[in-house]
Amino acid sequence: MRITRNELVALLRVAGRHDEIGRAQQRLPDRVDSERHGGLLDELGLDLHELLRPTGGPNLSDRLGGPLAPESSG
C-alpha cells in the first residue's frame, strides 16, 4: 500500500494520535510504501491497515475525502 506522509499524518491527526505526528513527519519519506518502508513503520509503531480501518463510524480515509487504495504497480 502506498500513501503520502501528509496523508498518514492526517490519519494520525483524525485518530487522535497527536504524539506520533512529529516522529512520522521527521522520519518518514514523502511517499510511504508499506512493503518498502515496513521496518520503519514498525519501528514507529504505525500500522497503515489499522489507521485505515473503520472505527465504529465512517472509514478514516472517507473522512479525509476519499479512498486511499493501494496503487497499481503497472
PDB file of N, CA and C in Angstrom:
ATOM      1  N   MET A   1       0.852  -1.168   0.000  1.00  0.00           N
ATOM      2  CA  MET A   1       0.000   0.000   0.000  1.00  0.00           C
ATOM      3  C   MET A   1       0.899   1.233   0.000  1.00  0.00           C
ATOM      4  N   ARG A   2       0.504   2.220  -0.762  1.00  0.00           N
ATOM      5  CA  ARG A   2       1.269   3.469  -0.834  1.00  0.00           C
ATOM      6  C   ARG A   2       0.404   4.610  -0.337  1.00  0.00           C
ATOM      7  N   ILE A   3       1.044   5.523   0.379  1.00  0.00           N
ATOM      8  CA  ILE A   3       0.371   6.669   0.964  1.00  0.00           C
ATOM      9  C   ILE A   3       1.415   7.766   1.116  1.00  0.00           C
ATOM     10  N   THR A   4       1.005   9.010   1.018  1.00  0.00           N
ATOM     11  CA  THR A   4       1.971  10.075   1.241  1.00  0.00           C
ATOM     12  C   THR A   4       2.130  10.305   2.745  1.00  0.00           C
ATOM     13  N   ARG A   5       3.250  10.877   3.105  1.00  0.00           N
ATOM     14  CA  ARG A   5       3.490  11.198   4.515  1.00  0.00           C
ATOM     15  C   ARG A   5       2.401  12.133   5.026  1.00  0.00           C
ATOM     16  N   ASN A   6       1.981  13.099   4.214  1.00  0.00           N
ATOM     17  CA  ASN A   6       0.940  14.040   4.646  1.00  0.00           C
ATOM     18  C   ASN A   6      -0.391  13.336   4.888  1.00  0.00           C
ATOM     19  N   GLU A   7      -0.723  12.342   4.043  1.00  0.00           N
ATOM     20  CA  GLU A   7      -1.952  11.578   4.264  1.00  0.00           C
ATOM     21  C   GLU A   7      -1.867  10.773   5.554  1.00  0.00           C
ATOM     22  N   LEU A   8      -0.690  10.180   5.798  1.00  0.00           N
ATOM     23  CA  LEU A   8      -0.510   9.402   7.015  1.00  0.00           C
ATOM     24  C   LEU A   8      -0.619  10.303   8.245  1.00  0.00           C
ATOM     25  N   VAL A   9      -0.016  11.478   8.183  1.00  0.00           N
ATOM     26  CA  VAL A   9      -0.104  12.434   9.290  1.00  0.00           C
ATOM     27  C   VAL A   9      -1.557  12.843   9.515  1.00  0.00           C
ATOM     28  N   ALA A  10      -2.304  13.041   8.437  1.00  0.00           N
ATOM     29  CA  ALA A  10      -3.724  13.391   8.572  1.00  0.00           C
ATOM     30  C   ALA A  10      -4.498  12.260   9.238  1.00  0.00           C
ATOM     31  N   LEU A  11      -4.179  11.006   8.890  1.00  0.00           N
ATOM     32  CA  LEU A  11      -4.827   9.866   9.534  1.00  0.00           C
ATOM     33  C   LEU A  11      -4.507   9.825  11.023  1.00  0.00           C
ATOM     34  N   LEU A  12      -3.256  10.091  11.373  1.00  0.00           N
ATOM     35  CA  LEU A  12      -2.881  10.135  12.789  1.00  0.00           C
ATOM     36  C   LEU A  12      -3.648  11.233  13.519  1.00  0.00           C
ATOM     37  N   ARG A  13      -3.786  12.383  12.866  1.00  0.00           N
ATOM     38  CA  ARG A  13      -4.498  13.511  13.472  1.00  0.00           C
ATOM     39  C   ARG A  13      -5.967  13.147  13.714  1.00  0.00           C
ATOM     40  N   VAL A  14      -6.623  12.563  12.706  1.00  0.00           N
ATOM     41  CA  VAL A  14      -8.028  12.176  12.823  1.00  0.00           C
ATOM     42  C   VAL A  14      -8.200  11.118  13.918  1.00  0.00           C
ATOM     43  N   ALA A  15      -7.208  10.221  14.040  1.00  0.00           N
ATOM     44  CA  ALA A  15      -7.274   9.159  15.039  1.00  0.00           C
ATOM     45  C   ALA A  15      -6.906   9.651  16.433  1.00  0.00           C
ATOM     46  N   GLY A  16      -6.516  10.930  16.554  1.00  0.00           N
ATOM     47  CA  GLY A  16      -6.167  11.483  17.855  1.00  0.00           C
ATOM     48  C   GLY A  16      -4.800  11.056  18.360  1.00  0.00           C
ATOM     49  N   ARG A  17      -3.951  10.612  17.461  1.00  0.00           N
ATOM     50  CA  ARG A  17      -2.611  10.137  17.842  1.00  0.00           C
ATOM     51  C   ARG A  17      -1.584  11.245  17.613  1.00  0.00           C
ATOM     52  N   HIS A  18      -1.829  12.387  18.228  1.00  0.00           N
ATOM     53  CA  HIS A  18      -1.034  13.591  18.015  1.00  0.00           C
ATOM     54  C   HIS A  18       0.422  13.432  18.441  1.00  0.00           C
ATOM     55  N   ASP A  19       0.675  12.611  19.461  1.00  0.00           N
ATOM     56  CA  ASP A  19       2.038  12.428  19.939  1.00  0.00           C
ATOM     57  C   ASP A  19       2.937  11.716  18.932  1.00  0.00           C
ATOM     58  N   GLU A  20       2.360  11.069  17.936  1.00  0.00           N
ATOM     59  CA  GLU A  20       3.137  10.333  16.936  1.00  0.00           C
ATOM     60  C   GLU A  20       3.389  11.140  15.667  1.00  0.00           C
ATOM     61  N   ILE A  21       2.741  12.271  15.537  1.00  0.00           N
ATOM     62  CA  ILE A  21       2.836  13.064  14.307  1.00  0.00           C
ATOM     63  C   ILE A  21       4.245  13.583  14.070  1.00  0.00           C
ATOM     64  N   GLY A  22       4.881  14.138  15.076  1.00  0.00           N
ATOM     65  CA  GLY A  22       6.223  14.698  14.912  1.00  0.00           C
ATOM     66  C   GLY A  22       7.235  13.669  14.448  1.00  0.00           C
ATOM     67  N   ARG A  23       7.204  12.489  15.060  1.00  0.00           N
ATOM     68  CA  ARG A  23       8.135  11.423  14.658  1.00  0.00           C
ATOM     69  C   ARG A  23       7.878  10.992  13.223  1.00  0.00           C
ATOM     70  N   ALA A  24       6.601  10.877  12.857  1.00  0.00           N
ATOM     71  CA  ALA A  24       6.263  10.478  11.492  1.00  0.00           C
ATOM     72  C   ALA A  24       6.760  11.524  10.493  1.00  0.00           C
ATOM     73  N   GLN A  25       6.560  12.789  10.803  1.00  0.00           N
ATOM     74  CA  GLN A  25       6.993  13.855   9.891  1.00  0.00           C
ATOM     75  C   GLN A  25       8.508  13.884   9.745  1.00  0.00           C
ATOM     76  N   GLN A  26       9.220  13.605  10.825  1.00  0.00           N
ATOM     77  CA  GLN A  26      10.681  13.656  10.789  1.00  0.00           C
ATOM     78  C   GLN A  26      11.303  12.451  10.108  1.00  0.00           C
ATOM     79  N   ARG A  27      10.724  11.269  10.291  1.00  0.00           N
ATOM     80  CA  ARG A  27      11.401  10.047   9.882  1.00  0.00           C
ATOM     81  C   ARG A  27      10.894   9.411   8.595  1.00  0.00           C
ATOM     82  N   LEU A  28       9.666   9.691   8.212  1.00  0.00           N
ATOM     83  CA  LEU A  28       9.116   9.038   7.020  1.00  0.00           C
ATOM     84  C   LEU A  28       9.433   9.820   5.753  1.00  0.00           C
ATOM     85  N   PRO A  29       9.627   9.112   4.644  1.00  0.00           N
ATOM     86  CA  PRO A  29       9.820   9.795   3.360  1.00  0.00           C
ATOM     87  C   PRO A  29       8.506  10.423   2.894  1.00  0.00           C
ATOM     88  N   ASP A  30       8.581  11.255   1.864  1.00  0.00           N
ATOM     89  CA  ASP A  30       7.385  11.907   1.331  1.00  0.00           C
ATOM     90  C   ASP A  30       6.339  10.901   0.877  1.00  0.00           C
ATOM     91  N   ARG A  31       6.779   9.825   0.269  1.00  0.00           N
ATOM     92  CA  ARG A  31       5.875   8.757  -0.194  1.00  0.00           C
ATOM     93  C   ARG A  31       6.242   7.480   0.546  1.00  0.00           C
ATOM     94  N   VAL A  32       5.268   6.935   1.243  1.00  0.00           N
ATOM     95  CA  VAL A  32       5.489   5.748   2.062  1.00  0.00           C
ATOM     96  C   VAL A  32       4.874   4.546   1.365  1.00  0.00           C
ATOM     97  N   ASP A  33       5.658   3.499   1.225  1.00  0.00           N
ATOM     98  CA  ASP A  33       5.203   2.224   0.681  1.00  0.00           C
ATOM     99  C   ASP A  33       5.278   1.220   1.830  1.00  0.00           C
ATOM    100  N   SER A  34       4.144   0.636   2.188  1.00  0.00           N
ATOM    101  CA  SER A  34       4.105  -0.234   3.366  1.00  0.00           C
ATOM    102  C   SER A  34       5.053  -1.434   3.242  1.00  0.00           C
ATOM    103  N   GLU A  35       5.293  -1.915   2.027  1.00  0.00           N
ATOM    104  CA  GLU A  35       6.229  -3.030   1.855  1.00  0.00           C
ATOM    105  C   GLU A  35       7.671  -2.550   1.969  1.00  0.00           C
ATOM    106  N   ARG A  36       7.978  -1.500   1.266  1.00  0.00           N
ATOM    107  CA  ARG A  36       9.350  -0.989   1.240  1.00  0.00           C
ATOM    108  C   ARG A  36       9.762  -0.379   2.576  1.00  0.00           C
ATOM    109  N   HIS A  37       8.846   0.302   3.246  1.00  0.00           N
ATOM    110  CA  HIS A  37       9.153   1.003   4.499  1.00  0.00           C
ATOM    111  C   HIS A  37       8.538   0.315   5.717  1.00  0.00           C
ATOM    112  N   GLY A  38       8.203  -0.973   5.561  1.00  0.00           N
ATOM    113  CA  GLY A  38       7.566  -1.711   6.648  1.00  0.00           C
ATOM    114  C   GLY A  38       8.359  -1.699   7.941  1.00  0.00           C
ATOM    115  N   GLY A  39       9.668  -1.850   7.848  1.00  0.00           N
ATOM    116  CA  GLY A  39      10.515  -1.842   9.043  1.00  0.00           C
ATOM    117  C   GLY A  39      10.448  -0.519   9.772  1.00  0.00           C
ATOM    118  N   LEU A  40      10.486   0.565   9.028  1.00  0.00           N
ATOM    119  CA  LEU A  40      10.406   1.892   9.635  1.00  0.00           C
ATOM    120  C   LEU A  40       9.033   2.129  10.246  1.00  0.00           C
ATOM    121  N   LEU A  41       7.988   1.707   9.541  1.00  0.00           N
ATOM    122  CA  LEU A  41       6.634   1.843  10.089  1.00  0.00           C
ATOM    123  C   LEU A  41       6.500   1.056  11.382  1.00  0.00           C
ATOM    124  N   ASP A  42       7.051  -0.172  11.408  1.00  0.00           N
ATOM    125  CA  ASP A  42       7.024  -0.983  12.627  1.00  0.00           C
ATOM    126  C   ASP A  42       7.786  -0.292  13.755  1.00  0.00           C
ATOM    127  N   GLU A  43       8.949   0.245  13.416  1.00  0.00           N
ATOM    128  CA  GLU A  43       9.786   0.946  14.393  1.00  0.00           C
ATOM    129  C   GLU A  43       9.025   2.121  15.017  1.00  0.00           C
ATOM    130  N   LEU A  44       8.220   2.789  14.198  1.00  0.00           N
ATOM    131  CA  LEU A  44       7.434   3.929  14.670  1.00  0.00           C
ATOM    132  C   LEU A  44       6.104   3.498  15.289  1.00  0.00           C
ATOM    133  N   GLY A  45       5.793   2.202  15.208  1.00  0.00           N
ATOM    134  CA  GLY A  45       4.539   1.702  15.760  1.00  0.00           C
ATOM    135  C   GLY A  45       3.320   2.084  14.935  1.00  0.00           C
ATOM    136  N   LEU A  46       3.514   2.231  13.618  1.00  0.00           N
ATOM    137  CA  LEU A  46       2.428   2.643  12.732  1.00  0.00           C
ATOM    138  C   LEU A  46       1.984   1.480  11.858  1.00  0.00           C
ATOM    139  N   ASP A  47       0.704   1.206  11.852  1.00  0.00           N
ATOM    140  CA  ASP A  47       0.107   0.161  11.033  1.00  0.00           C
ATOM    141  C   ASP A  47      -0.918   0.821  10.118  1.00  0.00           C
ATOM    142  N   LEU A  48      -0.590   0.906   8.830  1.00  0.00           N
ATOM    143  CA  LEU A  48      -1.475   1.597   7.885  1.00  0.00           C
ATOM    144  C   LEU A  48      -2.859   0.965   7.840  1.00  0.00           C
ATOM    145  N   HIS A  49      -2.921  -0.349   7.879  1.00  0.00           N
ATOM    146  CA  HIS A  49      -4.221  -1.024   7.825  1.00  0.00           C
ATOM    147  C   HIS A  49      -5.061  -0.691   9.056  1.00  0.00           C
ATOM    148  N   GLU A  50      -4.419  -0.590  10.197  1.00  0.00           N
ATOM    149  CA  GLU A  50      -5.134  -0.207  11.420  1.00  0.00           C
ATOM    150  C   GLU A  50      -5.647   1.230  11.321  1.00  0.00           C
ATOM    151  N   LEU A  51      -4.814   2.126  10.799  1.00  0.00           N
ATOM    152  CA  LEU A  51      -5.218   3.524  10.674  1.00  0.00           C
ATOM    153  C   LEU A  51      -6.370   3.700   9.685  1.00  0.00           C
ATOM    154  N   LEU A  52      -6.451   2.825   8.683  1.00  0.00           N
ATOM    155  CA  LEU A  52      -7.491   2.936   7.667  1.00  0.00           C
ATOM    156  C   LEU A  52      -8.747   2.136   8.009  1.00  0.00           C
ATOM    157  N   ARG A  53      -8.704   1.341   9.066  1.00  0.00           N
ATOM    158  CA  ARG A  53      -9.835   0.500   9.455  1.00  0.00           C
ATOM    159  C   ARG A  53     -10.973   1.365   9.984  1.00  0.00           C
ATOM    160  N   PRO A  54     -12.186   1.036   9.604  1.00  0.00           N
ATOM    161  CA  PRO A  54     -13.328   1.761  10.176  1.00  0.00           C
ATOM    162  C   PRO A  54     -13.339   1.608  11.696  1.00  0.00           C
ATOM    163  N   THR A  55     -13.674   2.681  12.381  1.00  0.00           N
ATOM    164  CA  THR A  55     -13.653   2.671  13.845  1.00  0.00           C
ATOM    165  C   THR A  55     -15.025   3.036  14.388  1.00  0.00           C
ATOM    166  N   GLY A  56     -16.004   2.213  14.073  1.00  0.00           N
ATOM    167  CA  GLY A  56     -17.346   2.457  14.580  1.00  0.00           C
ATOM    168  C   GLY A  56     -18.070   3.571  13.857  1.00  0.00           C
ATOM    169  N   GLY A  57     -17.531   4.045  12.784  1.00  0.00           N
ATOM    170  CA  GLY A  57     -18.140   5.117  12.013  1.00  0.00           C
ATOM    171  C   GLY A  57     -17.576   5.072  10.618  1.00  0.00           C
ATOM    172  N   PRO A  58     -17.587   6.199   9.922  1.00  0.00           N
ATOM    173  CA  PRO A  58     -17.045   6.222   8.564  1.00  0.00           C
ATOM    174  C   PRO A  58     -15.560   5.861   8.571  1.00  0.00           C
ATOM    175  N   ASN A  59     -15.128   5.224   7.518  1.00  0.00           N
ATOM    176  CA  ASN A  59     -13.721   4.907   7.358  1.00  0.00           C
ATOM    177  C   ASN A  59     -12.923   6.204   7.417  1.00  0.00           C
ATOM    178  N   LEU A  60     -11.768   6.161   8.076  1.00  0.00           N
ATOM    179  CA  LEU A  60     -10.954   7.370   8.201  1.00  0.00           C
ATOM    180  C   LEU A  60     -10.584   7.952   6.851  1.00  0.00           C
ATOM    181  N   SER A  61     -10.304   7.088   5.868  1.00  0.00           N
ATOM    182  CA  SER A  61      -9.943   7.627   4.553  1.00  0.00           C
ATOM    183  C   SER A  61     -11.122   8.373   3.935  1.00  0.00           C
ATOM    184  N   ASP A  62     -12.358   7.910   4.182  1.00  0.00           N
ATOM    185  CA  ASP A  62     -13.534   8.622   3.683  1.00  0.00           C
ATOM    186  C   ASP A  62     -13.640   9.991   4.350  1.00  0.00           C
ATOM    187  N   ARG A  63     -13.314  10.059   5.632  1.00  0.00           N
ATOM    188  CA  ARG A  63     -13.386  11.335   6.358  1.00  0.00           C
ATOM    189  C   ARG A  63     -12.328  12.310   5.861  1.00  0.00           C
ATOM    190  N   LEU A  64     -11.290  11.783   5.191  1.00  0.00           N
ATOM    191  CA  LEU A  64     -10.252  12.646   4.640  1.00  0.00           C
ATOM    192  C   LEU A  64     -10.527  13.032   3.197  1.00  0.00           C
ATOM    193  N   GLY A  65     -11.638  12.564   2.647  1.00  0.00           N
ATOM    194  CA  GLY A  65     -12.001  12.995   1.303  1.00  0.00           C
ATOM    195  C   GLY A  65     -11.962  11.932   0.240  1.00  0.00           C
ATOM    196  N   GLY A  66     -11.756  10.695   0.597  1.00  0.00           N
ATOM    197  CA  GLY A  66     -11.795   9.651  -0.414  1.00  0.00           C
ATOM    198  C   GLY A  66     -10.953   8.469  -0.041  1.00  0.00           C
ATOM    199  N   PRO A  67     -11.081   7.411  -0.825  1.00  0.00           N
ATOM    200  CA  PRO A  67     -10.366   6.183  -0.507  1.00  0.00           C
ATOM    201  C   PRO A  67      -8.869   6.320  -0.735  1.00  0.00           C
ATOM    202  N   LEU A  68      -8.114   5.692   0.129  1.00  0.00           N
ATOM    203  CA  LEU A  68      -6.663   5.620  -0.032  1.00  0.00           C
ATOM    204  C   LEU A  68      -6.359   4.170  -0.407  1.00  0.00           C
ATOM    205  N   ALA A  69      -6.534   3.867  -1.671  1.00  0.00           N
ATOM    206  CA  ALA A  69      -6.387   2.493  -2.147  1.00  0.00           C
ATOM    207  C   ALA A  69      -4.939   2.240  -2.552  1.00  0.00           C
ATOM    208  N   PRO A  70      -4.530   0.976  -2.509  1.00  0.00           N
ATOM    209  CA  PRO A  70      -3.196   0.655  -2.992  1.00  0.00           C
ATOM    210  C   PRO A  70      -3.055   1.054  -4.449  1.00  0.00           C
ATOM    211  N   GLU A  71      -1.892   1.579  -4.806  1.00  0.00           N
ATOM    212  CA  GLU A  71      -1.640   1.953  -6.193  1.00  0.00           C
ATOM    213  C   GLU A  71      -1.308   0.707  -6.983  1.00  0.00           C
ATOM    214  N   SER A  72      -1.724   0.704  -8.229  1.00  0.00           N
ATOM    215  CA  SER A  72      -1.344  -0.422  -9.085  1.00  0.00           C
ATOM    216  C   SER A  72       0.113  -0.271  -9.480  1.00  0.00           C
ATOM    217  N   SER A  73       0.758  -1.363  -9.683  1.00  0.00           N
ATOM    218  CA  SER A  73       2.185  -1.324  -9.999  1.00  0.00           C
ATOM    219  C   SER A  73       2.449  -1.272 -11.490  1.00  0.00           C
ATOM    220  N   GLY A  74       1.419  -1.139 -12.279  1.00  0.00           N
ATOM    221  CA  GLY A  74       1.705  -1.157 -13.710  1.00  0.00           C
ATOM    222  C   GLY A  74       0.786  -0.389 -14.468  1.00  0.00           C
TER     223      GLY A  74
END
